Amino acid sequence: VGVFIAYKWSGEAYRVIPVEWLGKEYFTLNMYQDYVKMHAGDFEY
């Protein structure tokens, strides 16, 4: 099973691990907080 996500300005894909091979301990990959500035001058984090 694969998952494909596609919006006009954002998308990604990932492969689903079968239930038989899932585990009980994980560590994660992420990224720092980012932001965009809206027309009204407000920030969207």
All heavy atoms as atom14 arrays in JSON, in Angstrom:
{
  "sequence": "VGVFIAYKWSGEAYRVIPVEWLGKEYFTLNMYQDYVKMHAGDFEY",
  "atom14_mask": [
    [1, 1, 1, 1, 1, 1, 1, 0, 0, 0, 0, 0, 0, 0],
    [1, 1, 1, 1, 0, 0, 0, 0, 0, 0, 0, 0, 0, 0],
    [1, 1, 1, 1, 1, 1, 1, 0, 0, 0, 0, 0, 0, 0],
    [1, 1, 1, 1, 1, 1, 1, 1, 1, 1, 1, 0, 0, 0],
    [1, 1, 1, 1, 1, 1, 1, 1, 0, 0, 0, 0, 0, 0],
    [1, 1, 1, 1, 1, 0, 0, 0, 0, 0, 0, 0, 0, 0],
    [1, 1, 1, 1, 1, 1, 1, 1, 1, 1, 1, 1, 0, 0],
    [1, 1, 1, 1, 1, 1, 1, 1, 1, 0, 0, 0, 0, 0],
    [1, 1, 1, 1, 1, 1, 1, 1, 1, 1, 1, 1, 1, 1],
    [1, 1, 1, 1, 1, 1, 0, 0, 0, 0, 0, 0, 0, 0],
    [1, 1, 1, 1, 0, 0, 0, 0, 0, 0, 0, 0, 0, 0],
    [1, 1, 1, 1, 1, 1, 1, 1, 1, 0, 0, 0, 0, 0],
    [1, 1, 1, 1, 1, 0, 0, 0, 0, 0, 0, 0, 0, 0],
    [1, 1, 1, 1, 1, 1, 1, 1, 1, 1, 1, 1, 0, 0],
    [1, 1, 1, 1, 1, 1, 1, 1, 1, 1, 1, 0, 0, 0],
    [1, 1, 1, 1, 1, 1, 1, 0, 0, 0, 0, 0, 0, 0],
    [1, 1, 1, 1, 1, 1, 1, 1, 0, 0, 0, 0, 0, 0],
    [1, 1, 1, 1, 1, 1, 1, 0, 0, 0, 0, 0, 0, 0],
    [1, 1, 1, 1, 1, 1, 1, 0, 0, 0, 0, 0, 0, 0],
    [1, 1, 1, 1, 1, 1, 1, 1, 1, 0, 0, 0, 0, 0],
    [1, 1, 1, 1, 1, 1, 1, 1, 1, 1, 1, 1, 1, 1],
    [1, 1, 1, 1, 1, 1, 1, 1, 0, 0, 0, 0, 0, 0],
    [1, 1, 1, 1, 0, 0, 0, 0, 0, 0, 0, 0, 0, 0],
    [1, 1, 1, 1, 1, 1, 1, 1, 1, 0, 0, 0, 0, 0],
    [1, 1, 1, 1, 1, 1, 1, 1, 1, 0, 0, 0, 0, 0],
    [1, 1, 1, 1, 1, 1, 1, 1, 1, 1, 1, 1, 0, 0],
    [1, 1, 1, 1, 1, 1, 1, 1, 1, 1, 1, 0, 0, 0],
    [1, 1, 1, 1, 1, 1, 1, 0, 0, 0, 0, 0, 0, 0],
    [1, 1, 1, 1, 1, 1, 1, 1, 0, 0, 0, 0, 0, 0],
    [1, 1, 1, 1, 1, 1, 1, 1, 0, 0, 0, 0, 0, 0],
    [1, 1, 1, 1, 1, 1, 1, 1, 0, 0, 0, 0, 0, 0],
    [1, 1, 1, 1, 1, 1, 1, 1, 1, 1, 1, 1, 0, 0],
    [1, 1, 1, 1, 1, 1, 1, 1, 1, 0, 0, 0, 0, 0],
    [1, 1, 1, 1, 1, 1, 1, 1, 0, 0, 0, 0, 0, 0],
    [1, 1, 1, 1, 1, 1, 1, 1, 1, 1, 1, 1, 0, 0],
    [1, 1, 1, 1, 1, 1, 1, 0, 0, 0, 0, 0, 0, 0],
    [1, 1, 1, 1, 1, 1, 1, 1, 1, 0, 0, 0, 0, 0],
    [1, 1, 1, 1, 1, 1, 1, 1, 0, 0, 0, 0, 0, 0],
    [1, 1, 1, 1, 1, 1, 1, 1, 1, 1, 0, 0, 0, 0],
    [1, 1, 1, 1, 1, 0, 0, 0, 0, 0, 0, 0, 0, 0],
    [1, 1, 1, 1, 0, 0, 0, 0, 0, 0, 0, 0, 0, 0],
    [1, 1, 1, 1, 1, 1, 1, 1, 0, 0, 0, 0, 0, 0],
    [1, 1, 1, 1, 1, 1, 1, 1, 1, 1, 1, 0, 0, 0],
    [1, 1, 1, 1, 1, 1, 1, 1, 1, 0, 0, 0, 0, 0],
    [1, 1, 1, 1, 1, 1, 1, 1, 1, 1, 1, 1, 0, 0]
  ],
  "atom14_positions": [
    [[0.84, -1.19, 0.0], [0.0, 0.0, 0.0], [0.88, 1.24, 0.0], [1.78, 1.37, 0.83], [-0.93, 0.03, 1.23], [-1.78, 1.3, 1.23], [-1.81, -1.21, 1.27], [0.0, 0.0, 0.0], [0.0, 0.0, 0.0], [0.0, 0.0, 0.0], [0.0, 0.0, 0.0], [0.0, 0.0, 0.0], [0.0, 0.0, 0.0], [0.0, 0.0, 0.0]],
    [[0.62, 2.14, -0.93], [1.25, 3.45, -0.94], [0.19, 4.53, -0.78], [-0.98, 4.31, -1.09], [0.0, 0.0, 0.0], [0.0, 0.0, 0.0], [0.0, 0.0, 0.0], [0.0, 0.0, 0.0], [0.0, 0.0, 0.0], [0.0, 0.0, 0.0], [0.0, 0.0, 0.0], [0.0, 0.0, 0.0], [0.0, 0.0, 0.0], [0.0, 0.0, 0.0]],
    [[0.6, 5.68, -0.28], [-0.3, 6.82, -0.13], [0.31, 8.0, -0.88], [1.48, 8.33, -0.69], [-0.51, 7.19, 1.35], [-1.38, 8.43, 1.47], [-1.13, 6.03, 2.12], [0.0, 0.0, 0.0], [0.0, 0.0, 0.0], [0.0, 0.0, 0.0], [0.0, 0.0, 0.0], [0.0, 0.0, 0.0], [0.0, 0.0, 0.0], [0.0, 0.0, 0.0]],
    [[-0.49, 8.63, -1.74], [-0.04, 9.78, -2.52], [-0.97, 10.95, -2.22], [-2.19, 10.82, -2.34], [-0.05, 9.45, -4.01], [0.33, 10.6, -4.9], [1.57, 11.21, -4.79], [-0.55, 11.06, -5.88], [1.92, 12.27, -5.63], [-0.2, 12.12, -6.71], [1.04, 12.72, -6.58], [0.0, 0.0, 0.0], [0.0, 0.0, 0.0], [0.0, 0.0, 0.0]],
    [[-0.41, 12.07, -1.81], [-1.17, 13.27, -1.45], [-0.79, 14.37, -2.42], [0.4, 14.63, -2.62], [-0.85, 13.7, 0.0], [-1.04, 12.52, 0.96], [-1.72, 14.88, 0.42], [-0.39, 12.73, 2.31], [0.0, 0.0, 0.0], [0.0, 0.0, 0.0], [0.0, 0.0, 0.0], [0.0, 0.0, 0.0], [0.0, 0.0, 0.0], [0.0, 0.0, 0.0]],
    [[-1.78, 15.05, -3.01], [-1.47, 16.07, -4.01], [-2.45, 17.22, -3.94], [-3.62, 17.09, -4.31], [-1.47, 15.46, -5.42], [0.0, 0.0, 0.0], [0.0, 0.0, 0.0], [0.0, 0.0, 0.0], [0.0, 0.0, 0.0], [0.0, 0.0, 0.0], [0.0, 0.0, 0.0], [0.0, 0.0, 0.0], [0.0, 0.0, 0.0], [0.0, 0.0, 0.0]],
    [[-1.98, 18.35, -3.43], [-2.7, 19.62, -3.47], [-1.95, 20.55, -4.42], [-0.86, 20.24, -4.89], [-2.76, 20.25, -2.08], [-3.57, 19.49, -1.06], [-2.96, 18.57, -0.22], [-4.94, 19.7, -0.93], [-3.69, 17.87, 0.72], [-5.68, 19.0, 0.01], [-5.05, 18.09, 0.84], [-5.78, 17.4, 1.76], [0.0, 0.0, 0.0], [0.0, 0.0, 0.0]],
    [[-2.53, 21.7, -4.67], [-1.91, 22.61, -5.62], [-0.53, 23.1, -5.16], [0.36, 23.32, -5.97], [-2.84, 23.82, -5.86], [-2.39, 24.72, -6.99], [-3.42, 25.8, -7.28], [-2.99, 26.66, -8.45], [-3.97, 27.73, -8.74], [0.0, 0.0, 0.0], [0.0, 0.0, 0.0], [0.0, 0.0, 0.0], [0.0, 0.0, 0.0], [0.0, 0.0, 0.0]],
    [[-0.38, 23.28, -3.83], [0.87, 23.82, -3.33], [1.55, 22.88, -2.33], [2.42, 23.3, -1.59], [0.65, 25.18, -2.65], [0.18, 26.23, -3.57], [0.9, 26.82, -4.58], [-1.1, 26.84, -3.61], [0.14, 27.75, -5.24], [-1.11, 27.79, -4.66], [-2.27, 26.68, -2.86], [-2.22, 28.57, -4.97], [-3.38, 27.45, -3.17], [-3.34, 28.38, -4.21]],
    [[1.11, 21.65, -2.26], [1.69, 20.76, -1.26], [1.38, 19.32, -1.61], [0.27, 19.01, -2.05], [1.12, 21.09, 0.13], [2.01, 20.76, 1.15], [0.0, 0.0, 0.0], [0.0, 0.0, 0.0], [0.0, 0.0, 0.0], [0.0, 0.0, 0.0], [0.0, 0.0, 0.0], [0.0, 0.0, 0.0], [0.0, 0.0, 0.0], [0.0, 0.0, 0.0]],
    [[2.33, 18.43, -1.4], [2.09, 17.02, -1.69], [3.2, 16.16, -1.14], [4.26, 16.65, -0.77], [0.0, 0.0, 0.0], [0.0, 0.0, 0.0], [0.0, 0.0, 0.0], [0.0, 0.0, 0.0], [0.0, 0.0, 0.0], [0.0, 0.0, 0.0], [0.0, 0.0, 0.0], [0.0, 0.0, 0.0], [0.0, 0.0, 0.0], [0.0, 0.0, 0.0]],
    [[2.97, 14.87, -1.05], [3.97, 13.92, -0.6], [3.48, 12.51, -0.88], [2.35, 12.3, -1.33], [4.29, 14.09, 0.9], [5.65, 14.75, 1.17], [6.84, 13.82, 0.98], [6.74, 12.83, 0.23], [7.89, 14.1, 1.61], [0.0, 0.0, 0.0], [0.0, 0.0, 0.0], [0.0, 0.0, 0.0], [0.0, 0.0, 0.0], [0.0, 0.0, 0.0]],
    [[4.32, 11.53, -0.59], [3.95, 10.13, -0.73], [4.66, 9.33, 0.33], [5.74, 9.72, 0.8], [4.31, 9.62, -2.13], [0.0, 0.0, 0.0], [0.0, 0.0, 0.0], [0.0, 0.0, 0.0], [0.0, 0.0, 0.0], [0.0, 0.0, 0.0], [0.0, 0.0, 0.0], [0.0, 0.0, 0.0], [0.0, 0.0, 0.0], [0.0, 0.0, 0.0]],
    [[4.07, 8.21, 0.73], [4.77, 7.31, 1.65], [4.29, 5.89, 1.45], [3.22, 5.63, 0.89], [4.61, 7.75, 3.11], [3.21, 7.75, 3.68], [2.68, 6.63, 4.31], [2.42, 8.9, 3.63], [1.41, 6.64, 4.86], [1.14, 8.92, 4.17], [0.64, 7.78, 4.79], [-0.62, 7.79, 5.33], [0.0, 0.0, 0.0], [0.0, 0.0, 0.0]],
    [[5.11, 4.95, 1.87], [4.79, 3.53, 1.8], [4.28, 3.09, 3.15], [4.87, 3.42, 4.18], [6.04, 2.74, 1.43], [5.88, 1.24, 1.44], [5.04, 0.73, 0.27], [5.83, 0.63, -0.94], [5.34, 0.29, -2.11], [4.06, 0.03, -2.24], [6.11, 0.22, -3.18], [0.0, 0.0, 0.0], [0.0, 0.0, 0.0], [0.0, 0.0, 0.0]],
    [[3.17, 2.35, 3.16], [2.56, 1.9, 4.41], [3.19, 0.59, 4.86], [3.31, -0.36, 4.08], [1.04, 1.71, 4.22], [0.4, 1.17, 5.5], [0.4, 3.04, 3.83], [0.0, 0.0, 0.0], [0.0, 0.0, 0.0], [0.0, 0.0, 0.0], [0.0, 0.0, 0.0], [0.0, 0.0, 0.0], [0.0, 0.0, 0.0], [0.0, 0.0, 0.0]],
    [[3.6, 0.54, 6.12], [4.16, -0.68, 6.69], [3.01, -1.6, 7.1], [2.09, -1.18, 7.79], [5.05, -0.37, 7.9], [6.21, 0.55, 7.48], [5.6, -1.65, 8.54], [7.03, 1.07, 8.64], [0.0, 0.0, 0.0], [0.0, 0.0, 0.0], [0.0, 0.0, 0.0], [0.0, 0.0, 0.0], [0.0, 0.0, 0.0], [0.0, 0.0, 0.0]],
    [[3.02, -2.88, 6.7], [1.94, -3.79, 7.08], [1.84, -3.95, 8.6], [2.85, -3.85, 9.32], [2.35, -5.12, 6.44], [3.36, -4.78, 5.39], [4.04, -3.54, 5.86], [0.0, 0.0, 0.0], [0.0, 0.0, 0.0], [0.0, 0.0, 0.0], [0.0, 0.0, 0.0], [0.0, 0.0, 0.0], [0.0, 0.0, 0.0], [0.0, 0.0, 0.0]],
    [[0.65, -4.22, 9.07], [0.43, -4.39, 10.51], [1.35, -5.47, 11.08], [1.87, -5.34, 12.2], [-1.05, -4.74, 10.79], [-1.26, -5.16, 12.23], [-1.93, -3.54, 10.46], [0.0, 0.0, 0.0], [0.0, 0.0, 0.0], [0.0, 0.0, 0.0], [0.0, 0.0, 0.0], [0.0, 0.0, 0.0], [0.0, 0.0, 0.0], [0.0, 0.0, 0.0]],
    [[1.58, -6.54, 10.3], [2.41, -7.64, 10.79], [3.83, -7.21, 11.15], [4.51, -7.88, 11.93], [2.5, -8.77, 9.74], [1.18, -9.46, 9.48], [0.38, -8.8, 8.36], [0.61, -7.61, 8.08], [-0.46, -9.48, 7.75], [0.0, 0.0, 0.0], [0.0, 0.0, 0.0], [0.0, 0.0, 0.0], [0.0, 0.0, 0.0], [0.0, 0.0, 0.0]],
    [[4.29, -6.1, 10.59], [5.68, -5.69, 10.79], [5.8, -4.35, 11.49], [6.88, -3.77, 11.55], [6.42, -5.68, 9.45], [6.47, -7.06, 8.87], [5.69, -7.55, 7.87], [7.29, -8.14, 9.31], [5.98, -8.87, 7.64], [6.96, -9.26, 8.51], [8.26, -8.27, 10.29], [7.57, -10.5, 8.67], [8.88, -9.51, 10.45], [8.53, -10.59, 9.64]],
    [[4.71, -3.85, 12.03], [4.8, -2.66, 12.86], [5.46, -3.01, 14.19], [5.5, -4.17, 14.59], [3.41, -2.07, 13.1], [2.71, -1.5, 11.87], [1.29, -1.09, 12.21], [3.49, -0.33, 11.29], [0.0, 0.0, 0.0], [0.0, 0.0, 0.0], [0.0, 0.0, 0.0], [0.0, 0.0, 0.0], [0.0, 0.0, 0.0], [0.0, 0.0, 0.0]],
    [[5.98, -1.99, 14.89], [6.69, -2.24, 16.13], [6.09, -1.49, 17.31], [5.04, -0.85, 17.2], [0.0, 0.0, 0.0], [0.0, 0.0, 0.0], [0.0, 0.0, 0.0], [0.0, 0.0, 0.0], [0.0, 0.0, 0.0], [0.0, 0.0, 0.0], [0.0, 0.0, 0.0], [0.0, 0.0, 0.0], [0.0, 0.0, 0.0], [0.0, 0.0, 0.0]],
    [[6.81, -1.54, 18.43], [6.36, -0.91, 19.66], [7.25, 0.25, 20.08], [6.98, 0.88, 21.1], [6.3, -1.95, 20.79], [5.38, -3.12, 20.51], [5.44, -4.14, 21.65], [4.6, -5.36, 21.35], [4.68, -6.38, 22.44], [0.0, 0.0, 0.0], [0.0, 0.0, 0.0], [0.0, 0.0, 0.0], [0.0, 0.0, 0.0], [0.0, 0.0, 0.0]],
    [[8.3, 0.52, 19.32], [9.18, 1.65, 19.65], [9.61, 2.36, 18.37], [10.01, 1.7, 17.4], [10.42, 1.19, 20.43], [11.33, 2.36, 20.84], [12.59, 1.92, 21.55], [12.92, 0.72, 21.5], [13.27, 2.79, 22.15], [0.0, 0.0, 0.0], [0.0, 0.0, 0.0], [0.0, 0.0, 0.0], [0.0, 0.0, 0.0], [0.0, 0.0, 0.0]],
    [[9.54, 3.68, 18.4], [9.86, 4.49, 17.23], [10.63, 5.74, 17.63], [10.5, 6.23, 18.76], [8.57, 4.94, 16.51], [7.79, 3.85, 15.85], [6.92, 3.05, 16.59], [7.89, 3.6, 14.48], [6.17, 2.05, 15.99], [7.15, 2.6, 13.88], [6.3, 1.83, 14.64], [5.57, 0.83, 14.03], [0.0, 0.0, 0.0], [0.0, 0.0, 0.0]],
    [[11.37, 6.28, 16.66], [11.92, 7.63, 16.73], [11.48, 8.33, 15.44], [11.11, 7.66, 14.47], [13.44, 7.61, 16.86], [13.91, 7.09, 18.2], [14.02, 5.72, 18.43], [14.21, 7.96, 19.23], [14.43, 5.23, 19.65], [14.63, 7.48, 20.47], [14.74, 6.12, 20.68], [0.0, 0.0, 0.0], [0.0, 0.0, 0.0], [0.0, 0.0, 0.0]],
    [[11.51, 9.65, 15.43], [10.88, 10.37, 14.31], [11.85, 11.27, 13.55], [12.88, 11.71, 14.07], [9.71, 11.23, 14.8], [10.21, 12.27, 15.66], [8.7, 10.39, 15.54], [0.0, 0.0, 0.0], [0.0, 0.0, 0.0], [0.0, 0.0, 0.0], [0.0, 0.0, 0.0], [0.0, 0.0, 0.0], [0.0, 0.0, 0.0], [0.0, 0.0, 0.0]],
    [[11.46, 11.54, 12.3], [12.1, 12.55, 11.44], [11.13, 13.71, 11.3], [9.94, 13.5, 11.03], [12.41, 11.97, 10.06], [13.4, 10.81, 10.0], [13.37, 10.16, 8.62], [14.82, 11.3, 10.33], [0.0, 0.0, 0.0], [0.0, 0.0, 0.0], [0.0, 0.0, 0.0], [0.0, 0.0, 0.0], [0.0, 0.0, 0.0], [0.0, 0.0, 0.0]],
    [[11.61, 14.93, 11.47], [10.76, 16.11, 11.36], [11.57, 17.26, 10.77], [12.58, 17.05, 10.11], [10.18, 16.48, 12.73], [9.36, 15.37, 13.35], [9.85, 14.58, 14.15], [8.1, 15.28, 12.98], [0.0, 0.0, 0.0], [0.0, 0.0, 0.0], [0.0, 0.0, 0.0], [0.0, 0.0, 0.0], [0.0, 0.0, 0.0], [0.0, 0.0, 0.0]],
    [[11.12, 18.49, 11.02], [11.81, 19.7, 10.53], [11.44, 20.85, 11.46], [10.48, 20.77, 12.22], [11.39, 20.01, 9.09], [11.97, 21.27, 8.46], [13.78, 21.33, 8.44], [14.14, 20.22, 7.07], [0.0, 0.0, 0.0], [0.0, 0.0, 0.0], [0.0, 0.0, 0.0], [0.0, 0.0, 0.0], [0.0, 0.0, 0.0], [0.0, 0.0, 0.0]],
    [[12.23, 21.91, 11.43], [11.98, 23.05, 12.32], [10.66, 23.76, 11.96], [10.1, 23.61, 10.88], [13.12, 24.05, 12.27], [13.55, 24.5, 10.87], [12.65, 25.01, 9.95], [14.88, 24.41, 10.47], [13.03, 25.42, 8.7], [15.3, 24.82, 9.21], [14.37, 25.32, 8.33], [14.76, 25.72, 7.08], [0.0, 0.0, 0.0], [0.0, 0.0, 0.0]],
    [[10.17, 24.56, 12.91], [8.98, 25.4, 12.69], [9.25, 26.38, 11.56], [10.29, 27.03, 11.5], [8.68, 26.16, 13.97], [7.64, 27.27, 13.84], [7.56, 28.08, 15.11], [7.36, 27.55, 16.19], [7.75, 29.4, 15.0], [0.0, 0.0, 0.0], [0.0, 0.0, 0.0], [0.0, 0.0, 0.0], [0.0, 0.0, 0.0], [0.0, 0.0, 0.0]],
    [[8.28, 26.47, 10.65], [8.4, 27.42, 9.55], [7.19, 28.36, 9.58], [6.32, 28.25, 10.44], [8.49, 26.69, 8.22], [9.3, 27.44, 7.18], [9.43, 28.68, 7.29], [9.83, 26.8, 6.25], [0.0, 0.0, 0.0], [0.0, 0.0, 0.0], [0.0, 0.0, 0.0], [0.0, 0.0, 0.0], [0.0, 0.0, 0.0], [0.0, 0.0, 0.0]],
    [[7.11, 29.27, 8.62], [6.05, 30.28, 8.65], [5.87, 30.87, 7.27], [6.74, 30.81, 6.41], [6.42, 31.4, 9.63], [7.53, 32.29, 9.1], [7.26, 33.56, 8.61], [8.86, 31.84, 9.04], [8.27, 34.36, 8.1], [9.87, 32.63, 8.54], [9.57, 33.89, 8.06], [10.57, 34.69, 7.54], [0.0, 0.0, 0.0], [0.0, 0.0, 0.0]],
    [[4.68, 31.45, 7.06], [4.45, 32.34, 5.92], [3.75, 33.57, 6.47], [3.13, 33.54, 7.54], [3.6, 31.69, 4.82], [4.38, 30.57, 4.14], [2.28, 31.16, 5.35], [0.0, 0.0, 0.0], [0.0, 0.0, 0.0], [0.0, 0.0, 0.0], [0.0, 0.0, 0.0], [0.0, 0.0, 0.0], [0.0, 0.0, 0.0], [0.0, 0.0, 0.0]],
    [[3.84, 34.66, 5.74], [3.23, 35.92, 6.16], [2.01, 36.18, 5.3], [2.08, 36.16, 4.08], [4.23, 37.07, 6.03], [3.78, 38.36, 6.69], [4.89, 39.41, 6.61], [4.48, 40.71, 7.28], [5.53, 41.75, 7.17], [0.0, 0.0, 0.0], [0.0, 0.0, 0.0], [0.0, 0.0, 0.0], [0.0, 0.0, 0.0], [0.0, 0.0, 0.0]],
    [[0.87, 36.41, 5.95], [-0.38, 36.6, 5.24], [-0.51, 38.05, 4.76], [0.25, 38.93, 5.16], [-1.56, 36.25, 6.17], [-1.4, 34.91, 6.87], [-1.17, 33.53, 5.73], [-2.85, 33.39, 5.11], [0.0, 0.0, 0.0], [0.0, 0.0, 0.0], [0.0, 0.0, 0.0], [0.0, 0.0, 0.0], [0.0, 0.0, 0.0], [0.0, 0.0, 0.0]],
    [[-1.52, 38.3, 3.91], [-1.71, 39.64, 3.35], [-1.97, 40.68, 4.43], [-1.56, 41.83, 4.31], [-2.88, 39.62, 2.36], [-2.61, 38.85, 1.11], [-1.63, 39.21, 0.21], [-3.18, 37.72, 0.62], [-1.6, 38.34, -0.79], [-2.53, 37.42, -0.57], [0.0, 0.0, 0.0], [0.0, 0.0, 0.0], [0.0, 0.0, 0.0], [0.0, 0.0, 0.0]],
    [[-2.64, 40.27, 5.49], [-2.96, 41.22, 6.56], [-1.77, 41.48, 7.47], [-1.88, 42.25, 8.42], [-4.14, 40.69, 7.38], [0.0, 0.0, 0.0], [0.0, 0.0, 0.0], [0.0, 0.0, 0.0], [0.0, 0.0, 0.0], [0.0, 0.0, 0.0], [0.0, 0.0, 0.0], [0.0, 0.0, 0.0], [0.0, 0.0, 0.0], [0.0, 0.0, 0.0]],
    [[-0.67, 40.83, 7.19], [0.51, 41.01, 8.01], [0.66, 40.0, 9.13], [1.65, 39.98, 9.85], [0.0, 0.0, 0.0], [0.0, 0.0, 0.0], [0.0, 0.0, 0.0], [0.0, 0.0, 0.0], [0.0, 0.0, 0.0], [0.0, 0.0, 0.0], [0.0, 0.0, 0.0], [0.0, 0.0, 0.0], [0.0, 0.0, 0.0], [0.0, 0.0, 0.0]],
    [[-0.36, 39.13, 9.28], [-0.28, 38.09, 10.31], [0.61, 36.95, 9.82], [0.73, 36.7, 8.62], [-1.67, 37.54, 10.62], [-2.58, 38.6, 11.22], [-2.05, 39.48, 11.92], [-3.81, 38.54, 10.99], [0.0, 0.0, 0.0], [0.0, 0.0, 0.0], [0.0, 0.0, 0.0], [0.0, 0.0, 0.0], [0.0, 0.0, 0.0], [0.0, 0.0, 0.0]],
    [[1.19, 36.25, 10.78], [2.02, 35.1, 10.44], [1.21, 33.81, 10.58], [0.42, 33.66, 11.51], [3.25, 35.04, 11.35], [4.28, 36.09, 11.05], [4.28, 37.29, 11.72], [5.24, 35.87, 10.08], [5.23, 38.27, 11.44], [6.19, 36.83, 9.78], [6.19, 38.04, 10.47], [0.0, 0.0, 0.0], [0.0, 0.0, 0.0], [0.0, 0.0, 0.0]],
    [[1.43, 32.89, 9.66], [0.84, 31.56, 9.75], [1.99, 30.59, 9.99], [2.89, 30.48, 9.16], [0.11, 31.22, 8.45], [-0.62, 29.89, 8.47], [-1.36, 29.65, 7.17], [-2.3, 30.41, 6.88], [-0.98, 28.71, 6.46], [0.0, 0.0, 0.0], [0.0, 0.0, 0.0], [0.0, 0.0, 0.0], [0.0, 0.0, 0.0], [0.0, 0.0, 0.0]],
    [[1.96, 29.92, 11.14], [3.1, 29.1, 11.55], [2.87, 27.64, 11.17], [1.75, 27.12, 11.22], [3.32, 29.23, 13.05], [3.62, 30.64, 13.48], [2.65, 31.43, 14.08], [4.88, 31.2, 13.25], [2.92, 32.73, 14.46], [5.16, 32.5, 13.63], [4.18, 33.27, 14.23], [4.44, 34.57, 14.6], [0.0, 0.0, 0.0], [0.0, 0.0, 0.0]]
  ]
}
